[in-house]
Amino acid sequence: MEYRKLGNTELELSTITYGAFAIGGNMWGGNEKKDSIDSIHASIDHSVTTIDTAPFYGFGLSEEMIGEALKSQDRSKVQLLTKFGLVCDGSNQGKGEFFFNAEENGKEIPVYKYASKSNIIKEVENSLKRLQTDYIDLLQIHWPDATTPIHETMEALETLIKQGKIRAAGVSNYSLSQLQEAQKTIQLASNQVPYSMLNRSIEAEVIPYTTAENIGIIAYSPMERGLLTGKYFTDSKLKENDHRNGYFGQFDLQKVKTLVEELSSLANAKHISISQLVLRWTTLQKGIAIVLAGARNAEQAISNAKTMDFDLSLSELDFINQAISKLK
């Protein structure tokens, strides 16, 4: 495993970071608790020290399972990253910005973006309890909230740092202008954004700015939620309540299938999986600090961790980039 310093902080994070969205179950067709906890243990056993989660993932379930899984671990050797600002329990009392209706047990649950100071303080206390810890290594706003001034949100994060409840402050899904506004109040550690072979939009404006300002990019959805594994072009089926049924529709699937087939030839030659090839390429892109990789069982977690066991030569990177260029 390789470890990288995040932005201007003292945090040393594992380049491959455990992404805990899928184990929450909601939007992913459910989950198996034992498999989820096994995947966390397997990640740590294979030198992944960093876990990224959020209260929204499973409406608290993801954080709870992480807290349970880490009870036997040395807390000082694990970095916990979580978020705030997606309210789905009605406690915002209609305040904030309506985002979408989530589903749980066949019921629609309205989700609001809400990043007021009072809400942040409350959410952090709840996350600390679920994670069974007394501090969070990196706290991030989950999505921008247009109804709360950015400076109010950032001032709350400053307060939490001074109180010792969080070690560093980050954002997620922030645009260039939002980053610039936040930087007027606080030195951000990171911006967590979608980035993959199929989505490189942040390269235009966001990465030049974050590189200049020493803000780490945390790349999420590098595998495009499993699409780049290639298995959904064969016989793998998604459950009806899996959000990927709609998500995959944004891509030209024939072109993606061709890309996967080309990359498979290189992966096979290197005796690695295509997932590992895609993740390794992502770790080597300019401005990327760490890469989130989800796992729903121990086998997937171990595969993700072993991504850093091999290198890609300049000729191999050129081959990959040429294959990607055909998507245009």
C-alpha atoms as a PDB file:
ATOM      1  CA  MET A   1       0.000   0.000   0.000  1.00  0.00           C
ATOM      2  CA  GLU A   2       1.029   3.586  -0.588  1.00  0.00           C
ATOM      3  CA  TYR A   3       0.112   6.401   1.788  1.00  0.00           C
ATOM      4  CA  ARG A   4      -0.333  10.028   0.814  1.00  0.00           C
ATOM      5  CA  LYS A   5      -0.552  13.238   2.795  1.00  0.00           C
ATOM      6  CA  LEU A   6      -3.909  14.950   2.306  1.00  0.00           C
ATOM      7  CA  GLY A   7      -3.576  18.561   1.236  1.00  0.00           C
ATOM      8  CA  ASN A   8      -2.045  20.802   3.898  1.00  0.00           C
ATOM      9  CA  THR A   9      -2.920  18.421   6.764  1.00  0.00           C
ATOM     10  CA  GLU A  10      -0.899  15.898   8.721  1.00  0.00           C
ATOM     11  CA  LEU A  11      -3.265  13.109   7.664  1.00  0.00           C
ATOM     12  CA  GLU A  12      -1.519  10.194   5.950  1.00  0.00           C
ATOM     13  CA  LEU A  13      -4.211   8.254   4.092  1.00  0.00           C
ATOM     14  CA  SER A  14      -4.079   4.978   2.194  1.00  0.00           C
ATOM     15  CA  THR A  15      -4.149   5.704  -1.541  1.00  0.00           C
ATOM     16  CA  ILE A  16      -6.845   3.082  -1.929  1.00  0.00           C
ATOM     17  CA  THR A  17      -9.506   4.064   0.569  1.00  0.00           C
ATOM     18  CA  TYR A  18     -12.468   1.918   1.561  1.00  0.00           C
ATOM     19  CA  GLY A  19     -15.647   3.540   0.209  1.00  0.00           C
ATOM     20  CA  ALA A  20     -18.621   2.627   2.397  1.00  0.00           C
ATOM     21  CA  PHE A  21     -21.590   3.790   0.309  1.00  0.00           C
ATOM     22  CA  ALA A  22     -22.631   0.375  -0.987  1.00  0.00           C
ATOM     23  CA  ILE A  23     -22.558  -1.394   2.384  1.00  0.00           C
ATOM     24  CA  GLY A  24     -25.245   1.008   3.584  1.00  0.00           C
ATOM     25  CA  GLY A  25     -27.610  -0.907   1.326  1.00  0.00           C
ATOM     26  CA  ASN A  26     -29.985   1.889   0.352  1.00  0.00           C
ATOM     27  CA  MET A  27     -29.882   2.539  -3.398  1.00  0.00           C
ATOM     28  CA  TRP A  28     -27.741  -0.599  -3.809  1.00  0.00           C
ATOM     29  CA  GLY A  29     -30.345  -3.340  -3.478  1.00  0.00           C
ATOM     30  CA  GLY A  30     -29.701  -4.054   0.212  1.00  0.00           C
ATOM     31  CA  ASN A  31     -26.696  -5.511   1.995  1.00  0.00           C
ATOM     32  CA  GLU A  32     -25.434  -8.430   4.063  1.00  0.00           C
ATOM     33  CA  LYS A  33     -24.129  -7.231   7.426  1.00  0.00           C
ATOM     34  CA  LYS A  34     -21.611 -10.031   7.957  1.00  0.00           C
ATOM     35  CA  ASP A  35     -20.167  -9.618   4.465  1.00  0.00           C
ATOM     36  CA  SER A  36     -19.931  -5.864   4.996  1.00  0.00           C
ATOM     37  CA  ILE A  37     -18.050  -6.143   8.281  1.00  0.00           C
ATOM     38  CA  ASP A  38     -15.816  -8.858   6.814  1.00  0.00           C
ATOM     39  CA  SER A  39     -14.953  -6.499   3.955  1.00  0.00           C
ATOM     40  CA  ILE A  40     -13.870  -3.796   6.423  1.00  0.00           C
ATOM     41  CA  HIS A  41     -11.691  -6.245   8.353  1.00  0.00           C
ATOM     42  CA  ALA A  42     -10.177  -7.606   5.138  1.00  0.00           C
ATOM     43  CA  SER A  43      -9.322  -4.097   3.973  1.00  0.00           C
ATOM     44  CA  ILE A  44      -7.512  -3.287   7.201  1.00  0.00           C
ATOM     45  CA  ASP A  45      -5.729  -6.650   7.178  1.00  0.00           C
ATOM     46  CA  HIS A  46      -4.391  -5.711   3.734  1.00  0.00           C
ATOM     47  CA  SER A  47      -3.077  -2.283   4.759  1.00  0.00           C
ATOM     48  CA  VAL A  48      -6.033  -0.066   3.849  1.00  0.00           C
ATOM     49  CA  THR A  49      -6.088   2.380   6.764  1.00  0.00           C
ATOM     50  CA  THR A  50      -8.694   4.870   5.545  1.00  0.00           C
ATOM     51  CA  ILE A  51     -12.487   4.496   5.475  1.00  0.00           C
ATOM     52  CA  ASP A  52     -14.900   6.987   3.907  1.00  0.00           C
ATOM     53  CA  THR A  53     -18.568   6.956   4.858  1.00  0.00           C
ATOM     54  CA  ALA A  54     -21.562   9.254   5.451  1.00  0.00           C
ATOM     55  CA  PRO A  55     -24.720   9.348   7.590  1.00  0.00           C
ATOM     56  CA  PHE A  56     -26.820   9.036   4.426  1.00  0.00           C
ATOM     57  CA  TYR A  57     -25.321   5.647   3.550  1.00  0.00           C
ATOM     58  CA  GLY A  58     -27.959   3.282   4.864  1.00  0.00           C
ATOM     59  CA  PHE A  59     -29.442   6.118   6.945  1.00  0.00           C
ATOM     60  CA  GLY A  60     -26.721   5.583   9.558  1.00  0.00           C
ATOM     61  CA  LEU A  61     -26.193   1.851   8.997  1.00  0.00           C
ATOM     62  CA  SER A  62     -22.853   2.272   7.215  1.00  0.00           C
ATOM     63  CA  GLU A  63     -21.395   4.297  10.088  1.00  0.00           C
ATOM     64  CA  GLU A  64     -22.810   1.867  12.649  1.00  0.00           C
ATOM     65  CA  MET A  65     -21.212  -1.154  10.964  1.00  0.00           C
ATOM     66  CA  ILE A  66     -17.883   0.651  10.703  1.00  0.00           C
ATOM     67  CA  GLY A  67     -18.049   1.476  14.401  1.00  0.00           C
ATOM     68  CA  GLU A  68     -18.771  -2.166  15.193  1.00  0.00           C
ATOM     69  CA  ALA A  69     -16.027  -3.446  12.888  1.00  0.00           C
ATOM     70  CA  LEU A  70     -13.389  -1.155  14.382  1.00  0.00           C
ATOM     71  CA  LYS A  71     -14.034  -1.949  18.045  1.00  0.00           C
ATOM     72  CA  SER A  72     -11.139  -4.414  18.021  1.00  0.00           C
ATOM     73  CA  GLN A  73      -8.802  -2.126  16.026  1.00  0.00           C
ATOM     74  CA  ASP A  74      -6.261   0.470  17.145  1.00  0.00           C
ATOM     75  CA  ARG A  75      -8.174   3.703  16.429  1.00  0.00           C
ATOM     76  CA  SER A  76      -4.953   5.694  15.994  1.00  0.00           C
ATOM     77  CA  LYS A  77      -4.034   3.559  12.982  1.00  0.00           C
ATOM     78  CA  VAL A  78      -7.337   4.046  11.138  1.00  0.00           C
ATOM     79  CA  GLN A  79      -8.524   7.284   9.540  1.00  0.00           C
ATOM     80  CA  LEU A  80     -12.273   7.844   9.553  1.00  0.00           C
ATOM     81  CA  LEU A  81     -13.735  10.160   6.933  1.00  0.00           C
ATOM     82  CA  THR A  82     -17.407  11.029   7.084  1.00  0.00           C
ATOM     83  CA  LYS A  83     -19.804  13.739   5.970  1.00  0.00           C
ATOM     84  CA  PHE A  84     -22.777  15.886   6.910  1.00  0.00           C
ATOM     85  CA  GLY A  85     -25.468  17.885   5.186  1.00  0.00           C
ATOM     86  CA  LEU A  86     -27.921  15.323   3.798  1.00  0.00           C
ATOM     87  CA  VAL A  87     -30.898  15.282   6.155  1.00  0.00           C
ATOM     88  CA  CYS A  88     -33.490  12.541   5.761  1.00  0.00           C
ATOM     89  CA  ASP A  89     -35.037  12.268   9.226  1.00  0.00           C
ATOM     90  CA  GLY A  90     -37.186  15.400   9.030  1.00  0.00           C
ATOM     91  CA  SER A  91     -35.178  17.178  11.724  1.00  0.00           C
ATOM     92  CA  ASN A  92     -34.497  20.096   9.366  1.00  0.00           C
ATOM     93  CA  GLN A  93     -38.227  20.951   9.580  1.00  0.00           C
ATOM     94  CA  GLY A  94     -38.424  21.889   5.930  1.00  0.00           C
ATOM     95  CA  LYS A  95     -35.276  24.017   5.967  1.00  0.00           C
ATOM     96  CA  GLY A  96     -32.538  23.547   3.417  1.00  0.00           C
ATOM     97  CA  GLU A  97     -32.659  22.587  -0.241  1.00  0.00           C
ATOM     98  CA  PHE A  98     -34.772  19.618  -1.353  1.00  0.00           C
ATOM     99  CA  PHE A  99     -32.531  17.083  -3.103  1.00  0.00           C
ATOM    100  CA  PHE A 100     -34.524  13.956  -3.979  1.00  0.00           C
ATOM    101  CA  ASN A 101     -36.740  11.233  -2.542  1.00  0.00           C
ATOM    102  CA  ALA A 102     -34.829   8.222  -1.271  1.00  0.00           C
ATOM    103  CA  GLU A 103     -36.462   4.843  -0.659  1.00  0.00           C
ATOM    104  CA  GLU A 104     -36.418   2.664   2.433  1.00  0.00           C
ATOM    105  CA  ASN A 105     -38.592  -0.421   2.847  1.00  0.00           C
ATOM    106  CA  GLY A 106     -40.839   0.721   0.012  1.00  0.00           C
ATOM    107  CA  LYS A 107     -41.364   4.204   1.468  1.00  0.00           C
ATOM    108  CA  GLU A 108     -40.196   7.478  -0.018  1.00  0.00           C
ATOM    109  CA  ILE A 109     -37.993   9.570   2.259  1.00  0.00           C
ATOM    110  CA  PRO A 110     -37.366  13.214   1.301  1.00  0.00           C
ATOM    111  CA  VAL A 111     -33.679  14.132   1.432  1.00  0.00           C
ATOM    112  CA  TYR A 112     -32.591  17.735   1.968  1.00  0.00           C
ATOM    113  CA  LYS A 113     -29.226  19.436   1.577  1.00  0.00           C
ATOM    114  CA  TYR A 114     -28.839  21.347   4.831  1.00  0.00           C
ATOM    115  CA  ALA A 115     -25.522  22.683   6.107  1.00  0.00           C
ATOM    116  CA  SER A 116     -26.406  25.196   8.813  1.00  0.00           C
ATOM    117  CA  LYS A 117     -24.090  25.440  11.823  1.00  0.00           C
ATOM    118  CA  SER A 118     -26.648  23.929  14.214  1.00  0.00           C
ATOM    119  CA  ASN A 119     -27.300  20.999  11.906  1.00  0.00           C
ATOM    120  CA  ILE A 120     -23.584  20.292  11.452  1.00  0.00           C
ATOM    121  CA  ILE A 121     -22.979  20.219  15.211  1.00  0.00           C
ATOM    122  CA  LYS A 122     -25.912  17.832  15.682  1.00  0.00           C
ATOM    123  CA  GLU A 123     -24.861  15.537  12.832  1.00  0.00           C
ATOM    124  CA  VAL A 124     -21.295  15.279  14.091  1.00  0.00           C
ATOM    125  CA  GLU A 125     -22.443  14.189  17.536  1.00  0.00           C
ATOM    126  CA  ASN A 126     -24.615  11.485  15.951  1.00  0.00           C
ATOM    127  CA  SER A 127     -21.770  10.304  13.710  1.00  0.00           C
ATOM    128  CA  LEU A 128     -19.364  10.096  16.652  1.00  0.00           C
ATOM    129  CA  LYS A 129     -21.823   7.847  18.482  1.00  0.00           C
ATOM    130  CA  ARG A 130     -22.426   5.582  15.481  1.00  0.00           C
ATOM    131  CA  LEU A 131     -18.695   5.333  14.717  1.00  0.00           C
ATOM    132  CA  GLN A 132     -17.924   4.729  18.411  1.00  0.00           C
ATOM    133  CA  THR A 133     -15.122   7.285  18.451  1.00  0.00           C
ATOM    134  CA  ASP A 134     -14.416  10.680  19.967  1.00  0.00           C
ATOM    135  CA  TYR A 135     -12.993  12.316  16.842  1.00  0.00           C
ATOM    136  CA  ILE A 136     -13.334  12.246  13.065  1.00  0.00           C
ATOM    137  CA  ASP A 137     -10.215  12.562  10.930  1.00  0.00           C
ATOM    138  CA  LEU A 138     -11.864  14.361   8.020  1.00  0.00           C
ATOM    139  CA  LEU A 139     -15.351  15.862   8.008  1.00  0.00           C
ATOM    140  CA  GLN A 140     -16.845  16.836   4.649  1.00  0.00           C
ATOM    141  CA  ILE A 141     -20.009  18.577   3.500  1.00  0.00           C
ATOM    142  CA  HIS A 142     -21.762  15.952   1.395  1.00  0.00           C
ATOM    143  CA  TRP A 143     -23.363  18.263  -1.189  1.00  0.00           C
ATOM    144  CA  PRO A 144     -23.467  22.069  -1.472  1.00  0.00           C
ATOM    145  CA  ASP A 145     -26.491  23.653   0.199  1.00  0.00           C
ATOM    146  CA  ALA A 146     -27.655  26.753  -1.690  1.00  0.00           C
ATOM    147  CA  THR A 147     -29.739  27.936   1.271  1.00  0.00           C
ATOM    148  CA  THR A 148     -26.859  28.232   3.748  1.00  0.00           C
ATOM    149  CA  PRO A 149     -23.999  30.730   3.216  1.00  0.00           C
ATOM    150  CA  ILE A 150     -20.748  28.874   2.606  1.00  0.00           C
ATOM    151  CA  HIS A 151     -18.980  30.949   5.247  1.00  0.00           C
ATOM    152  CA  GLU A 152     -21.452  29.738   7.908  1.00  0.00           C
ATOM    153  CA  THR A 153     -20.730  26.112   7.045  1.00  0.00           C
ATOM    154  CA  MET A 154     -16.977  26.676   7.035  1.00  0.00           C
ATOM    155  CA  GLU A 155     -17.069  28.555  10.354  1.00  0.00           C
ATOM    156  CA  ALA A 156     -18.806  25.551  11.918  1.00  0.00           C
ATOM    157  CA  LEU A 157     -16.018  23.307  10.648  1.00  0.00           C
ATOM    158  CA  GLU A 158     -13.425  25.653  12.141  1.00  0.00           C
ATOM    159  CA  THR A 159     -15.195  25.428  15.489  1.00  0.00           C
ATOM    160  CA  LEU A 160     -15.174  21.629  15.383  1.00  0.00           C
ATOM    161  CA  ILE A 161     -11.440  21.597  14.630  1.00  0.00           C
ATOM    162  CA  LYS A 162     -10.773  23.858  17.639  1.00  0.00           C
ATOM    163  CA  GLN A 163     -12.897  21.555  19.807  1.00  0.00           C
ATOM    164  CA  GLY A 164     -10.860  18.535  18.686  1.00  0.00           C
ATOM    165  CA  LYS A 165     -13.890  16.712  17.328  1.00  0.00           C
ATOM    166  CA  ILE A 166     -12.489  16.727  13.799  1.00  0.00           C
ATOM    167  CA  ARG A 167      -8.887  16.839  12.607  1.00  0.00           C
ATOM    168  CA  ALA A 168      -9.494  18.380   9.198  1.00  0.00           C
ATOM    169  CA  ALA A 169     -12.251  19.892   7.066  1.00  0.00           C
ATOM    170  CA  GLY A 170     -13.150  19.032   3.504  1.00  0.00           C
ATOM    171  CA  VAL A 171     -15.927  19.453   0.983  1.00  0.00           C
ATOM    172  CA  SER A 172     -17.572  17.209  -1.555  1.00  0.00           C
ATOM    173  CA  ASN A 173     -19.054  17.930  -4.968  1.00  0.00           C
ATOM    174  CA  TYR A 174     -17.829  21.544  -4.843  1.00  0.00           C
ATOM    175  CA  SER A 175     -17.351  23.557  -8.024  1.00  0.00           C
ATOM    176  CA  LEU A 176     -14.455  25.955  -8.610  1.00  0.00           C
ATOM    177  CA  SER A 177     -16.449  28.988  -7.460  1.00  0.00           C
ATOM    178  CA  GLN A 178     -17.633  27.185  -4.318  1.00  0.00           C
ATOM    179  CA  LEU A 179     -14.074  26.164  -3.481  1.00  0.00           C
ATOM    180  CA  GLN A 180     -12.912  29.740  -3.900  1.00  0.00           C
ATOM    181  CA  GLU A 181     -15.659  31.007  -1.601  1.00  0.00           C
ATOM    182  CA  ALA A 182     -14.907  28.391   1.072  1.00  0.00           C
ATOM    183  CA  GLN A 183     -11.197  29.206   1.004  1.00  0.00           C
ATOM    184  CA  LYS A 184     -12.000  32.747   2.159  1.00  0.00           C
ATOM    185  CA  THR A 185     -12.945  31.272   5.549  1.00  0.00           C
ATOM    186  CA  ILE A 186     -10.924  28.082   5.983  1.00  0.00           C
ATOM    187  CA  GLN A 187      -8.014  26.197   4.439  1.00  0.00           C
ATOM    188  CA  LEU A 188      -9.697  23.137   2.968  1.00  0.00           C
ATOM    189  CA  ALA A 189      -8.019  19.764   3.139  1.00  0.00           C
ATOM    190  CA  SER A 190      -9.908  18.164   0.280  1.00  0.00           C
ATOM    191  CA  ASN A 191     -12.671  18.096  -2.292  1.00  0.00           C
ATOM    192  CA  GLN A 192     -14.352  14.723  -2.864  1.00  0.00           C
ATOM    193  CA  VAL A 193     -15.633  14.546  -6.426  1.00  0.00           C
ATOM    194  CA  PRO A 194     -16.609  11.992  -9.065  1.00  0.00           C
ATOM    195  CA  TYR A 195     -13.693  11.063 -11.302  1.00  0.00           C
ATOM    196  CA  SER A 196     -13.196   8.139 -13.650  1.00  0.00           C
ATOM    197  CA  MET A 197     -12.133   7.144 -17.129  1.00  0.00           C
ATOM    198  CA  LEU A 198     -15.675   8.049 -18.182  1.00  0.00           C
ATOM    199  CA  ASN A 199     -15.913  11.324 -16.255  1.00  0.00           C
ATOM    200  CA  ARG A 200     -12.881  13.620 -16.257  1.00  0.00           C
ATOM    201  CA  SER A 201     -14.685  16.967 -16.078  1.00  0.00           C
ATOM    202  CA  ILE A 202     -12.753  18.135 -13.005  1.00  0.00           C
ATOM    203  CA  GLU A 203      -9.550  18.257 -15.058  1.00  0.00           C
ATOM    204  CA  ALA A 204     -10.648  21.516 -16.709  1.00  0.00           C
ATOM    205  CA  GLU A 205     -11.019  23.851 -13.703  1.00  0.00           C
ATOM    206  CA  VAL A 206     -11.115  22.053 -10.384  1.00  0.00           C
ATOM    207  CA  ILE A 207      -7.801  20.176 -10.476  1.00  0.00           C
ATOM    208  CA  PRO A 208      -5.700  23.189 -11.559  1.00  0.00           C
ATOM    209  CA  TYR A 209      -7.151  25.147  -8.630  1.00  0.00           C
ATOM    210  CA  THR A 210      -6.858  22.395  -6.002  1.00  0.00           C
ATOM    211  CA  THR A 211      -3.291  21.665  -7.090  1.00  0.00           C
ATOM    212  CA  ALA A 212      -2.332  25.337  -6.745  1.00  0.00           C
ATOM    213  CA  GLU A 213      -4.099  25.634  -3.362  1.00  0.00           C
ATOM    214  CA  ASN A 214      -2.792  22.323  -1.951  1.00  0.00           C
ATOM    215  CA  ILE A 215      -6.269  20.808  -1.659  1.00  0.00           C
ATOM    216  CA  GLY A 216      -6.379  17.038  -2.068  1.00  0.00           C
ATOM    217  CA  ILE A 217      -8.783  15.465  -4.533  1.00  0.00           C
ATOM    218  CA  ILE A 218     -10.624  12.418  -3.211  1.00  0.00           C
ATOM    219  CA  ALA A 219     -11.894  10.568  -6.280  1.00  0.00           C
ATOM    220  CA  TYR A 220     -15.200   8.739  -5.926  1.00  0.00           C
ATOM    221  CA  SER A 221     -16.948   6.412  -8.380  1.00  0.00           C
ATOM    222  CA  PRO A 222     -13.672   5.540 -10.174  1.00  0.00           C
ATOM    223  CA  MET A 223     -15.283   2.289 -11.317  1.00  0.00           C
ATOM    224  CA  GLU A 224     -18.524   4.101 -12.211  1.00  0.00           C
ATOM    225  CA  ARG A 225     -20.324   2.008  -9.612  1.00  0.00           C
ATOM    226  CA  GLY A 226     -19.184  -1.260 -11.130  1.00  0.00           C
ATOM    227  CA  LEU A 227     -19.788  -0.470 -14.788  1.00  0.00           C
ATOM    228  CA  LEU A 228     -16.056  -0.547 -15.611  1.00  0.00           C
ATOM    229  CA  THR A 229     -15.706  -4.047 -14.161  1.00  0.00           C
ATOM    230  CA  GLY A 230     -17.437  -5.304 -17.296  1.00  0.00           C
ATOM    231  CA  LYS A 231     -19.611  -7.769 -15.399  1.00  0.00           C
ATOM    232  CA  TYR A 232     -22.831  -5.923 -16.224  1.00  0.00           C
ATOM    233  CA  PHE A 233     -22.230  -6.580 -19.903  1.00  0.00           C
ATOM    234  CA  THR A 234     -22.474 -10.313 -19.264  1.00  0.00           C
ATOM    235  CA  ASP A 235     -24.884 -12.069 -16.913  1.00  0.00           C
ATOM    236  CA  SER A 236     -24.886  -9.911 -13.770  1.00  0.00           C
ATOM    237  CA  LYS A 237     -28.317  -8.562 -12.917  1.00  0.00           C
ATOM    238  CA  LEU A 238     -29.217  -5.571 -10.771  1.00  0.00           C
ATOM    239  CA  LYS A 239     -32.040  -5.665  -8.255  1.00  0.00           C
ATOM    240  CA  GLU A 240     -35.064  -3.522  -9.059  1.00  0.00           C
ATOM    241  CA  ASN A 241     -34.291  -1.033  -6.258  1.00  0.00           C
ATOM    242  CA  ASP A 242     -30.647  -0.589  -7.313  1.00  0.00           C
ATOM    243  CA  HIS A 243     -30.035   3.001  -8.451  1.00  0.00           C
ATOM    244  CA  ARG A 244     -27.584   1.814 -11.092  1.00  0.00           C
ATOM    245  CA  ASN A 245     -30.473   0.700 -13.297  1.00  0.00           C
ATOM    246  CA  GLY A 246     -30.877   4.369 -14.142  1.00  0.00           C
ATOM    247  CA  TYR A 247     -27.326   5.535 -13.463  1.00  0.00           C
ATOM    248  CA  PHE A 248     -25.708   3.455 -16.206  1.00  0.00           C
ATOM    249  CA  GLY A 249     -28.047   5.005 -18.776  1.00  0.00           C
ATOM    250  CA  GLN A 250     -26.010   8.224 -18.929  1.00  0.00           C
ATOM    251  CA  PHE A 251     -23.201   6.440 -20.757  1.00  0.00           C
ATOM    252  CA  ASP A 252     -22.778   5.173 -24.315  1.00  0.00           C
ATOM    253  CA  LEU A 253     -22.726   1.562 -23.197  1.00  0.00           C
ATOM    254  CA  GLN A 254     -21.421   0.196 -26.486  1.00  0.00           C
ATOM    255  CA  LYS A 255     -18.376   2.465 -26.283  1.00  0.00           C
ATOM    256  CA  VAL A 256     -17.868   1.544 -22.634  1.00  0.00           C
ATOM    257  CA  LYS A 257     -18.047  -2.142 -23.529  1.00  0.00           C
ATOM    258  CA  THR A 258     -15.406  -1.635 -26.210  1.00  0.00           C
ATOM    259  CA  LEU A 259     -13.176   0.179 -23.714  1.00  0.00           C
ATOM    260  CA  VAL A 260     -13.555  -2.612 -21.176  1.00  0.00           C
ATOM    261  CA  GLU A 261     -12.657  -5.199 -23.811  1.00  0.00           C
ATOM    262  CA  GLU A 262      -9.498  -3.289 -24.784  1.00  0.00           C
ATOM    263  CA  LEU A 263      -8.432  -2.812 -21.175  1.00  0.00           C
ATOM    264  CA  SER A 264      -9.091  -6.476 -20.446  1.00  0.00           C
ATOM    265  CA  SER A 265      -6.334  -7.480 -22.858  1.00  0.00           C
ATOM    266  CA  LEU A 266      -3.791  -5.501 -20.821  1.00  0.00           C
ATOM    267  CA  ALA A 267      -5.200  -6.666 -17.494  1.00  0.00           C
ATOM    268  CA  ASN A 268      -4.992 -10.295 -18.590  1.00  0.00           C
ATOM    269  CA  ALA A 269      -1.406  -9.834 -19.742  1.00  0.00           C
ATOM    270  CA  LYS A 270      -0.483  -8.418 -16.326  1.00  0.00           C
ATOM    271  CA  HIS A 271      -2.466 -11.115 -14.471  1.00  0.00           C
ATOM    272  CA  ILE A 272      -4.619  -8.550 -12.701  1.00  0.00           C
ATOM    273  CA  SER A 273      -8.326  -7.776 -12.783  1.00  0.00           C
ATOM    274  CA  ILE A 274      -9.724  -4.980 -14.893  1.00  0.00           C
ATOM    275  CA  SER A 275     -10.960  -3.384 -11.664  1.00  0.00           C
ATOM    276  CA  GLN A 276      -7.397  -3.224 -10.374  1.00  0.00           C
ATOM    277  CA  LEU A 277      -6.196  -1.784 -13.674  1.00  0.00           C
ATOM    278  CA  VAL A 278      -8.842   0.951 -13.632  1.00  0.00           C
ATOM    279  CA  LEU A 279      -8.168   1.831  -9.991  1.00  0.00           C
ATOM    280  CA  ARG A 280      -4.391   1.936 -10.507  1.00  0.00           C
ATOM    281  CA  TRP A 281      -4.761   4.252 -13.504  1.00  0.00           C
ATOM    282  CA  THR A 282      -6.919   6.542 -11.367  1.00  0.00           C
ATOM    283  CA  THR A 283      -4.317   6.736  -8.589  1.00  0.00           C
ATOM    284  CA  LEU A 284      -1.747   7.955 -11.125  1.00  0.00           C
ATOM    285  CA  GLN A 285      -3.726  10.883 -12.518  1.00  0.00           C
ATOM    286  CA  LYS A 286      -2.607  14.440 -11.813  1.00  0.00           C
ATOM    287  CA  GLY A 287      -4.039  16.011  -8.681  1.00  0.00           C
ATOM    288  CA  ILE A 288      -5.634  12.840  -7.313  1.00  0.00           C
ATOM    289  CA  ALA A 289      -4.781  12.269  -3.649  1.00  0.00           C
ATOM    290  CA  ILE A 290      -6.731   9.124  -2.799  1.00  0.00           C
ATOM    291  CA  VAL A 291      -9.213   6.891  -4.594  1.00  0.00           C
ATOM    292  CA  LEU A 292     -12.365   5.422  -3.062  1.00  0.00           C
ATOM    293  CA  ALA A 293     -13.100   1.788  -3.808  1.00  0.00           C
ATOM    294  CA  GLY A 294     -16.242   0.110  -2.530  1.00  0.00           C
ATOM    295  CA  ALA A 295     -16.400  -3.511  -1.431  1.00  0.00           C
ATOM    296  CA  ARG A 296     -19.380  -5.585  -0.349  1.00  0.00           C
ATOM    297  CA  ASN A 297     -17.408  -8.648   0.718  1.00  0.00           C
ATOM    298  CA  ALA A 298     -13.892  -9.627   1.768  1.00  0.00           C
ATOM    299  CA  GLU A 299     -12.896 -10.872  -1.701  1.00  0.00           C
ATOM    300  CA  GLN A 300     -13.633  -7.496  -3.301  1.00  0.00           C
ATOM    301  CA  ALA A 301     -11.873  -5.657  -0.472  1.00  0.00           C
ATOM    302  CA  ILE A 302      -8.696  -7.711  -0.856  1.00  0.00           C
ATOM    303  CA  SER A 303      -8.721  -7.204  -4.623  1.00  0.00           C
ATOM    304  CA  ASN A 304      -8.996  -3.435  -4.156  1.00  0.00           C
ATOM    305  CA  ALA A 305      -6.156  -3.356  -1.632  1.00  0.00           C
ATOM    306  CA  LYS A 306      -3.848  -5.286  -3.967  1.00  0.00           C
ATOM    307  CA  THR A 307      -4.261  -2.558  -6.591  1.00  0.00           C
ATOM    308  CA  MET A 308      -1.112  -0.926  -5.270  1.00  0.00           C
ATOM    309  CA  ASP A 309       0.951  -4.114  -5.651  1.00  0.00           C
ATOM    310  CA  PHE A 310       1.842  -3.364  -9.267  1.00  0.00           C
ATOM    311  CA  ASP A 311       2.900  -0.432 -11.440  1.00  0.00           C
ATOM    312  CA  LEU A 312       1.918   0.789 -14.882  1.00  0.00           C
ATOM    313  CA  SER A 313       4.690   1.639 -17.326  1.00  0.00           C
ATOM    314  CA  LEU A 314       4.617   4.695 -19.565  1.00  0.00           C
ATOM    315  CA  SER A 315       3.773   2.509 -22.565  1.00  0.00           C
ATOM    316  CA  GLU A 316       0.942   0.839 -20.644  1.00  0.00           C
ATOM    317  CA  LEU A 317      -0.438   4.215 -19.575  1.00  0.00           C
ATOM    318  CA  ASP A 318      -0.267   5.360 -23.176  1.00  0.00           C
ATOM    319  CA  PHE A 319      -2.200   2.268 -24.264  1.00  0.00           C
ATOM    320  CA  ILE A 320      -4.885   2.966 -21.647  1.00  0.00           C
ATOM    321  CA  ASN A 321      -5.160   6.636 -22.539  1.00  0.00           C
ATOM    322  CA  GLN A 322      -5.504   5.836 -26.247  1.00  0.00           C
ATOM    323  CA  ALA A 323      -8.319   3.409 -25.445  1.00  0.00           C
ATOM    324  CA  ILE A 324     -10.046   6.059 -23.310  1.00  0.00           C
ATOM    325  CA  SER A 325      -9.717   8.657 -26.085  1.00  0.00           C
ATOM    326  CA  LYS A 326     -11.978   6.546 -28.317  1.00  0.00           C
ATOM    327  CA  LEU A 327     -14.898   7.343 -26.001  1.00  0.00           C
ATOM    328  CA  LYS A 328     -15.157  10.851 -27.490  1.00  0.00           C
END
